[in-house]
Amino acid sequence: MPQAVIVDVVRTPSGRGKHGGALSAVHPVDLAAGVLTALLGRSGLESRQIDDVLMGCVSQVGDQSLNIARQSVLAAGFDESVPAVTIDRQCGSSQQAAHFAAQGVIAGAYDIVIAAGVESMSRVPLGSAAHGGAVSQGVSRRYPEGLVNQGVSAELIAQRWGFTREELDEYSAESHRRATDAWARGAFDAQVVPVLAGGPEAVAFDETVRGGTTAESLAGLKPAFRTDELAARFPDLDWRITAGNSSPLTDAASAALIMSEEKAVELGLTPRARFHSFSVVGDDPMLMLTGPIPATRRILDRSGLSIDDLDVYEVNEAFASVPLAWQRELGADPAKLNPWGGAIALGHAVGASGTRLLGTLVSALEATGGRFGLQTMCEGGGMANATIIERL
């Protein structure tokens, strides 16, 4: 059975996902086209050698409609024979794209494939795809009190696991510290592709990273998701999730070059890691963000590995309560958890985060000499993907 290997992973810097953000002037099709072009340039491949492009994107409306994957392939100048498809598994969309790509290689359906992701949250605001949509009668019957947004889910997790506001803010400040340190020592240099965004110079650094952030500076922020209606519905919540201990709205794109090990050898390319194991689960749609816990347990069962066998864990920081709950439930080493910072600092361009985390995971394993790494991501609706890779 073919082995699916990762040859390269690239990403754009993260821009703030609001008007005036560093990448807000760039159309998301062009943002994604840039990372596709970079992968070809770095590998020396011809575009017609790519069997398929699988791209995650959550808000598939407006500038991100009409199968943005295909639009990006055309904008990148790829041969017209290269197909492409857009995938929505909410925040895990590009991680799912990587799963489908690797599984296609293992099944023998692909020799060379690109998994990618993009989201311009400044141009297509989060939730745009649901604008005007009504909840179905079937869902309403099953959940008569109504589901909640992810911020409230993060509050419910913080309450259930007993995380204080101080713990959440301290974790978030540490994310910025680790990301700042990683940038300072050049840890991201090899994976970040600068973007021309209309200014005189290319955007080359993550706009979302705030050096000097402290728990004390975050303490003054007000809860971001409390409303009078929600406070009446959840009278026991003390509302501790803020903009400071949540991931920021972000613009970014990322992409991974995946192929069979045999094809990599044939082409004279050096695989950096191989896909070892996969899992995807559904979980409580009210808590919504706890899926990484059962997804990790399932993938450890399938892989035969223990949490201590893993050298790096990339657990998406949608909100600080998510990786903290995961860490407590799995008994994971905090030093191995998001060692270069996470989405609270590096940003969470929802469709692009999966392949962004994959690139950080590969690079962190290489930097430390580690062998196995885990990536897991909470997803809207109460789902999660988990991936274990092995450095080669």
Protein backbone atom coordinates (compact mmCIF):
# COMPACT_ATOMS: atom_id res chain seq x y z
CA MET A 1 0.00 0.00 0.00
CA PRO A 2 1.49 3.40 -0.95
CA GLN A 3 2.75 5.70 1.79
CA ALA A 4 1.42 9.28 1.69
CA VAL A 5 4.21 11.77 2.39
CA ILE A 6 4.45 15.51 2.90
CA VAL A 7 7.05 17.11 0.67
CA ASP A 8 6.39 20.76 1.48
CA VAL A 9 3.97 23.08 3.30
CA VAL A 10 3.71 26.84 2.84
CA ARG A 11 1.47 29.60 4.15
CA THR A 12 0.90 33.30 3.88
CA PRO A 13 1.37 35.55 6.86
CA SER A 14 -1.77 36.05 8.94
CA GLY A 15 -3.52 39.37 8.44
CA ARG A 16 -6.16 40.77 10.74
CA GLY A 17 -9.54 39.83 9.33
CA LYS A 18 -11.07 43.28 9.30
CA HIS A 19 -11.17 46.33 7.06
CA GLY A 20 -7.67 47.74 6.89
CA GLY A 21 -6.01 44.45 7.83
CA ALA A 22 -2.67 43.77 6.18
CA LEU A 23 -4.15 41.34 3.63
CA SER A 24 -7.67 42.74 3.34
CA ALA A 25 -6.95 44.28 -0.07
CA VAL A 26 -6.08 40.86 -1.54
CA HIS A 27 -8.87 38.83 -3.13
CA PRO A 28 -9.01 35.38 -1.46
CA VAL A 29 -8.63 33.68 -4.85
CA ASP A 30 -5.34 35.49 -5.33
CA LEU A 31 -4.31 34.79 -1.74
CA ALA A 32 -4.77 31.06 -2.35
CA ALA A 33 -3.19 31.22 -5.80
CA GLY A 34 -0.03 32.57 -4.21
CA VAL A 35 0.57 29.52 -2.02
CA LEU A 36 -0.22 27.17 -4.93
CA THR A 37 2.34 28.94 -7.09
CA ALA A 38 4.89 28.85 -4.28
CA LEU A 39 4.57 25.09 -3.90
CA LEU A 40 5.26 24.54 -7.60
CA GLY A 41 8.19 26.93 -7.61
CA ARG A 42 9.81 25.35 -4.57
CA SER A 43 9.37 21.77 -5.83
CA GLY A 44 10.17 22.33 -9.50
CA LEU A 45 7.00 20.51 -10.55
CA GLU A 46 4.90 21.35 -13.58
CA SER A 47 1.27 22.09 -12.72
CA ARG A 48 -0.02 19.38 -15.04
CA GLN A 49 1.67 16.81 -12.78
CA ILE A 50 -0.82 17.65 -10.01
CA ASP A 51 -3.70 15.17 -9.97
CA ASP A 52 -6.05 17.33 -7.89
CA VAL A 53 -6.24 20.36 -5.60
CA LEU A 54 -8.41 20.00 -2.49
CA MET A 55 -9.03 23.30 -0.72
CA GLY A 56 -10.77 24.09 2.54
CA CYS A 57 -12.94 27.19 2.81
CA VAL A 58 -15.79 27.80 5.27
CA SER A 59 -17.71 30.84 4.01
CA GLN A 60 -18.25 29.84 0.38
CA VAL A 61 -20.14 32.97 -0.69
CA GLY A 62 -19.21 36.29 -2.30
CA ASP A 63 -15.50 36.44 -3.09
CA GLN A 64 -15.16 32.82 -1.92
CA SER A 65 -17.95 31.33 -4.05
CA LEU A 66 -17.98 29.46 -7.36
CA ASN A 67 -15.66 26.69 -6.11
CA ILE A 68 -12.82 28.91 -4.91
CA ALA A 69 -10.41 25.98 -5.27
CA ARG A 70 -10.91 25.90 -9.04
CA GLN A 71 -10.79 29.69 -9.26
CA SER A 72 -7.49 29.66 -7.37
CA VAL A 73 -5.98 27.00 -9.62
CA LEU A 74 -6.83 29.11 -12.67
CA ALA A 75 -5.55 32.31 -11.05
CA ALA A 76 -2.29 30.53 -10.20
CA GLY A 77 -1.76 29.78 -13.89
CA PHE A 78 -2.05 26.03 -13.47
CA ASP A 79 -2.74 23.96 -16.54
CA GLU A 80 -6.47 23.88 -17.25
CA SER A 81 -6.40 20.08 -16.92
CA VAL A 82 -5.85 20.33 -13.14
CA PRO A 83 -9.15 19.85 -11.27
CA ALA A 84 -10.00 21.30 -7.87
CA VAL A 85 -12.69 21.02 -5.22
CA THR A 86 -13.66 23.12 -2.19
CA ILE A 87 -14.30 21.41 1.15
CA ASP A 88 -16.25 22.62 4.19
CA ARG A 89 -15.73 20.84 7.48
CA GLN A 90 -15.89 24.16 9.28
CA CYS A 91 -12.63 25.06 11.05
CA GLY A 92 -11.12 21.71 10.07
CA SER A 93 -11.74 22.18 6.34
CA SER A 94 -8.12 22.17 5.19
CA GLN A 95 -7.15 19.49 7.69
CA GLN A 96 -9.90 17.40 6.11
CA ALA A 97 -8.50 18.34 2.70
CA ALA A 98 -5.14 16.92 3.82
CA HIS A 99 -6.87 13.75 5.03
CA PHE A 100 -8.68 13.29 1.72
CA ALA A 101 -5.45 14.00 -0.19
CA ALA A 102 -3.38 11.51 1.81
CA GLN A 103 -6.11 8.88 1.77
CA GLY A 104 -6.36 9.29 -2.01
CA VAL A 105 -2.63 8.64 -2.30
CA ILE A 106 -2.84 5.60 -0.02
CA ALA A 107 -5.77 4.26 -2.07
CA GLY A 108 -3.82 4.69 -5.29
CA ALA A 109 -6.17 7.34 -6.69
CA TYR A 110 -3.51 10.08 -6.65
CA ASP A 111 0.22 10.27 -7.24
CA ILE A 112 0.59 13.98 -6.47
CA VAL A 113 -2.04 16.19 -4.84
CA ILE A 114 -2.22 19.55 -3.11
CA ALA A 115 -4.24 20.10 0.06
CA ALA A 116 -4.86 23.76 0.78
CA GLY A 117 -7.07 26.24 2.56
CA VAL A 118 -8.06 29.88 2.39
CA GLU A 119 -10.24 32.35 4.26
CA SER A 120 -10.50 36.12 3.92
CA MET A 121 -12.52 37.00 6.97
CA SER A 122 -12.19 40.71 6.22
CA ARG A 123 -13.87 40.37 2.82
CA VAL A 124 -16.25 37.49 3.63
CA PRO A 125 -17.18 37.80 7.32
CA LEU A 126 -17.56 34.66 9.38
CA GLY A 127 -21.17 33.52 9.22
CA SER A 128 -21.82 35.00 5.78
CA ALA A 129 -22.77 31.60 4.40
CA ALA A 130 -25.58 31.34 6.97
CA HIS A 131 -27.04 34.78 6.27
CA GLY A 132 -30.80 34.51 6.04
CA GLY A 133 -30.76 30.77 6.71
CA ALA A 134 -33.36 29.30 9.03
CA VAL A 135 -32.78 26.35 11.36
CA SER A 136 -34.63 23.31 10.07
CA GLN A 137 -37.62 21.90 11.89
CA GLY A 138 -35.78 18.62 12.42
CA VAL A 139 -32.86 20.31 14.20
CA SER A 140 -35.28 22.48 16.19
CA ARG A 141 -37.19 19.43 17.36
CA ARG A 142 -34.01 17.71 18.48
CA TYR A 143 -32.60 20.81 20.21
CA PRO A 144 -35.70 22.79 21.23
CA GLU A 145 -33.76 25.27 23.35
CA GLY A 146 -31.53 26.06 20.39
CA LEU A 147 -27.81 25.59 19.80
CA VAL A 148 -25.35 28.38 20.57
CA ASN A 149 -22.44 30.14 18.90
CA GLN A 150 -18.89 28.96 19.46
CA GLY A 151 -18.10 31.72 21.94
CA VAL A 152 -20.81 30.45 24.26
CA SER A 153 -19.53 26.90 23.76
CA ALA A 154 -16.09 28.12 24.86
CA GLU A 155 -17.72 29.62 27.95
CA LEU A 156 -19.47 26.33 28.74
CA ILE A 157 -16.15 24.47 28.45
CA ALA A 158 -14.41 26.95 30.74
CA GLN A 159 -17.20 26.48 33.26
CA ARG A 160 -17.24 22.67 33.06
CA TRP A 161 -13.46 22.35 33.49
CA GLY A 162 -13.29 25.15 36.02
CA PHE A 163 -10.82 27.43 34.22
CA THR A 164 -10.56 30.86 35.76
CA ARG A 165 -10.32 34.07 33.77
CA GLU A 166 -6.71 34.36 34.97
CA GLU A 167 -5.82 30.88 33.64
CA LEU A 168 -7.36 31.67 30.25
CA ASP A 169 -5.52 34.98 29.98
CA GLU A 170 -2.20 33.49 31.13
CA TYR A 171 -2.49 30.76 28.50
CA SER A 172 -3.24 33.37 25.83
CA ALA A 173 -0.32 35.58 26.80
CA GLU A 174 1.96 32.54 26.60
CA SER A 175 0.71 31.86 23.07
CA HIS A 176 1.82 35.35 22.02
CA ARG A 177 5.15 34.93 23.83
CA ARG A 178 5.88 31.62 22.09
CA ALA A 179 4.88 32.98 18.68
CA THR A 180 7.00 36.09 19.18
CA ASP A 181 9.99 33.98 20.15
CA ALA A 182 9.47 31.65 17.16
CA TRP A 183 9.42 34.57 14.74
CA ALA A 184 12.49 36.11 16.39
CA ARG A 185 14.55 32.97 15.87
CA GLY A 186 13.37 32.51 12.27
CA ALA A 187 11.26 29.42 12.93
CA PHE A 188 8.58 30.46 10.41
CA ASP A 189 10.87 31.86 7.74
CA ALA A 190 10.99 28.71 5.61
CA GLN A 191 7.23 28.24 5.44
CA VAL A 192 5.86 31.79 5.12
CA VAL A 193 5.39 33.20 1.60
CA PRO A 194 5.34 37.04 1.57
CA VAL A 195 2.28 38.63 -0.05
CA LEU A 196 2.08 41.80 -2.14
CA ALA A 197 -0.99 43.50 -0.72
CA GLY A 198 -1.04 46.86 -2.47
CA GLY A 199 1.60 48.58 -0.33
CA PRO A 200 5.19 49.36 -1.21
CA GLU A 201 6.49 46.26 0.56
CA ALA A 202 5.28 42.68 0.78
CA VAL A 203 3.56 41.53 3.96
CA ALA A 204 5.99 39.03 5.48
CA PHE A 205 5.01 38.66 9.15
CA ASP A 206 1.92 37.66 11.11
CA GLU A 207 0.00 40.83 11.89
CA THR A 208 -1.92 38.95 14.58
CA VAL A 209 1.09 38.31 16.86
CA ARG A 210 1.32 40.91 19.62
CA GLY A 211 4.68 40.86 21.35
CA GLY A 212 4.57 42.06 24.91
CA THR A 213 1.06 40.74 25.58
CA THR A 214 0.64 39.86 29.25
CA ALA A 215 -2.11 38.34 31.32
CA GLU A 216 -2.38 41.70 33.08
CA SER A 217 -2.93 43.55 29.80
CA LEU A 218 -5.65 41.06 28.82
CA ALA A 219 -7.40 41.29 32.18
CA GLY A 220 -9.13 44.56 31.32
CA LEU A 221 -10.99 43.18 28.30
CA LYS A 222 -14.71 42.63 28.61
CA PRO A 223 -16.49 39.32 27.86
CA ALA A 224 -17.11 39.13 24.12
CA PHE A 225 -20.17 36.89 23.90
CA ARG A 226 -22.43 37.86 26.79
CA THR A 227 -25.85 39.25 25.89
CA ASP A 228 -28.84 39.81 28.15
CA GLU A 229 -30.69 36.97 26.42
CA LEU A 230 -27.80 34.52 26.82
CA ALA A 231 -27.17 35.61 30.40
CA ALA A 232 -30.79 34.77 31.20
CA ARG A 233 -30.47 31.39 29.48
CA PHE A 234 -27.19 30.53 31.23
CA PRO A 235 -27.45 32.21 34.64
CA ASP A 236 -24.52 30.24 36.12
CA LEU A 237 -21.93 31.45 33.59
CA ASP A 238 -19.57 34.14 34.81
CA TRP A 239 -18.58 35.05 31.20
CA ARG A 240 -14.79 34.89 30.99
CA ILE A 241 -14.16 34.50 27.21
CA THR A 242 -12.85 37.73 25.69
CA ALA A 243 -11.28 38.88 22.46
CA GLY A 244 -7.92 38.41 24.19
CA ASN A 245 -8.33 34.72 25.00
CA SER A 246 -9.97 33.91 21.65
CA SER A 247 -8.41 33.56 18.21
CA PRO A 248 -8.71 36.74 16.10
CA LEU A 249 -10.56 37.01 12.80
CA THR A 250 -7.86 36.38 10.21
CA ASP A 251 -7.03 36.46 6.48
CA ALA A 252 -4.63 33.75 5.27
CA ALA A 253 -4.00 30.85 2.92
CA SER A 254 -1.88 27.71 3.24
CA ALA A 255 -1.06 24.64 1.16
CA ALA A 256 0.68 21.25 1.43
CA LEU A 257 2.28 19.18 -1.33
CA ILE A 258 1.39 15.52 -0.74
CA MET A 259 2.38 12.52 -2.84
CA SER A 260 3.27 8.87 -2.70
CA GLU A 261 6.71 8.10 -1.34
CA GLU A 262 7.48 6.22 -4.55
CA LYS A 263 6.64 9.29 -6.66
CA ALA A 264 8.76 11.54 -4.45
CA VAL A 265 11.77 9.23 -4.90
CA GLU A 266 11.15 9.07 -8.65
CA LEU A 267 11.13 12.88 -8.86
CA GLY A 268 14.17 13.32 -6.62
CA LEU A 269 12.14 15.11 -3.93
CA THR A 270 12.78 14.57 -0.23
CA PRO A 271 9.74 13.69 1.89
CA ARG A 272 9.67 15.56 5.19
CA ALA A 273 7.03 13.43 6.95
CA ARG A 274 4.48 10.72 6.33
CA PHE A 275 0.87 10.45 7.35
CA HIS A 276 0.65 7.84 10.08
CA SER A 277 -2.99 7.83 11.31
CA PHE A 278 -6.29 9.66 10.90
CA SER A 279 -9.51 10.12 12.81
CA VAL A 280 -12.62 12.26 12.58
CA VAL A 281 -15.45 12.32 15.12
CA GLY A 282 -18.73 13.98 15.94
CA ASP A 283 -19.38 15.27 19.45
CA ASP A 284 -21.85 17.30 21.51
CA PRO A 285 -23.00 20.20 19.25
CA MET A 286 -23.78 22.38 22.27
CA LEU A 287 -20.30 22.18 23.79
CA MET A 288 -19.21 21.94 20.15
CA LEU A 289 -15.48 22.49 20.73
CA THR A 290 -14.68 19.39 22.81
CA GLY A 291 -14.30 17.14 19.75
CA PRO A 292 -10.47 17.11 19.86
CA ILE A 293 -10.66 15.04 23.05
CA PRO A 294 -12.48 11.99 21.59
CA ALA A 295 -10.71 12.50 18.23
CA THR A 296 -7.35 12.19 19.99
CA ARG A 297 -8.44 9.15 21.99
CA ARG A 298 -9.62 7.47 18.79
CA ILE A 299 -6.45 8.18 16.86
CA LEU A 300 -4.26 6.96 19.72
CA ASP A 301 -6.26 3.72 19.80
CA ARG A 302 -5.91 3.30 16.05
CA SER A 303 -2.22 4.17 15.92
CA GLY A 304 -1.11 2.10 18.91
CA LEU A 305 0.70 5.15 20.26
CA SER A 306 0.31 6.83 23.63
CA ILE A 307 0.19 10.54 24.33
CA ASP A 308 3.74 10.28 25.67
CA ASP A 309 4.96 8.84 22.33
CA LEU A 310 4.07 12.14 20.65
CA ASP A 311 6.73 14.83 20.52
CA VAL A 312 4.59 17.83 19.47
CA TYR A 313 0.86 18.54 19.75
CA GLU A 314 -0.77 21.21 17.59
CA VAL A 315 -4.24 21.73 19.08
CA ASN A 316 -6.04 24.63 17.47
CA GLU A 317 -6.53 27.56 19.81
CA ALA A 318 -9.99 28.66 18.73
CA PHE A 319 -10.39 29.76 22.35
CA ALA A 320 -8.03 29.23 25.28
CA SER A 321 -10.46 26.87 27.00
CA VAL A 322 -10.23 24.36 24.12
CA PRO A 323 -6.53 23.32 24.35
CA LEU A 324 -6.63 23.64 28.13
CA ALA A 325 -9.50 21.16 28.41
CA TRP A 326 -7.79 18.87 25.89
CA GLN A 327 -4.52 19.01 27.83
CA ARG A 328 -6.20 18.19 31.13
CA GLU A 329 -8.23 15.28 29.73
CA LEU A 330 -5.28 13.71 27.89
CA GLY A 331 -2.65 14.37 30.56
CA ALA A 332 -0.51 16.05 27.91
CA ASP A 333 2.79 17.79 28.51
CA PRO A 334 2.16 21.58 28.28
CA ALA A 335 5.67 22.16 26.92
CA LYS A 336 4.78 20.10 23.81
CA LEU A 337 1.44 21.87 23.27
CA ASN A 338 1.61 24.50 20.51
CA PRO A 339 5.30 25.19 21.22
CA TRP A 340 5.52 27.98 18.61
CA GLY A 341 2.28 29.61 19.72
CA GLY A 342 -1.21 28.88 18.47
CA ALA A 343 -4.16 30.52 16.80
CA ILE A 344 -4.67 33.05 19.62
CA ALA A 345 -1.43 34.63 18.40
CA LEU A 346 -0.94 33.25 14.88
CA GLY A 347 -4.54 33.75 13.79
CA HIS A 348 -7.37 31.45 12.75
CA ALA A 349 -8.32 31.98 9.11
CA VAL A 350 -10.82 29.16 9.51
CA GLY A 351 -10.55 27.49 6.09
CA ALA A 352 -6.75 27.76 6.07
CA SER A 353 -5.93 26.75 9.64
CA GLY A 354 -5.69 23.00 9.06
CA THR A 355 -2.81 23.12 6.60
CA ARG A 356 -1.24 26.00 8.55
CA LEU A 357 -1.08 23.80 11.64
CA LEU A 358 0.29 20.95 9.53
CA GLY A 359 3.17 23.13 8.36
CA THR A 360 3.98 24.23 11.89
CA LEU A 361 3.83 20.63 13.10
CA VAL A 362 6.25 19.38 10.44
CA SER A 363 8.66 22.26 11.09
CA ALA A 364 8.52 21.85 14.88
CA LEU A 365 9.31 18.13 14.60
CA GLU A 366 12.27 18.91 12.35
CA ALA A 367 13.55 21.62 14.69
CA THR A 368 13.44 19.36 17.76
CA GLY A 369 14.33 16.04 16.14
CA GLY A 370 10.98 14.63 17.23
CA ARG A 371 9.42 11.65 15.51
CA PHE A 372 5.63 11.77 15.97
CA GLY A 373 3.34 14.78 15.97
CA LEU A 374 -0.40 15.20 16.52
CA GLN A 375 -2.67 17.82 15.00
CA THR A 376 -6.30 18.21 16.08
CA MET A 377 -8.94 20.83 15.45
CA CYS A 378 -12.35 21.62 16.94
CA GLU A 379 -15.03 22.25 14.30
CA GLY A 380 -18.41 23.94 14.13
CA GLY A 381 -21.38 21.71 14.82
CA GLY A 382 -19.42 19.55 17.25
CA MET A 383 -16.79 17.69 15.19
CA ALA A 384 -13.03 17.25 15.15
CA ASN A 385 -10.26 15.86 12.97
CA ALA A 386 -7.02 14.39 14.30
CA THR A 387 -3.87 13.57 12.35
CA ILE A 388 -0.64 11.88 13.41
CA ILE A 389 2.42 12.38 11.22
CA GLU A 390 5.87 10.81 11.45
CA ARG A 391 8.95 12.85 10.61
CA LEU A 392 11.19 11.22 8.03
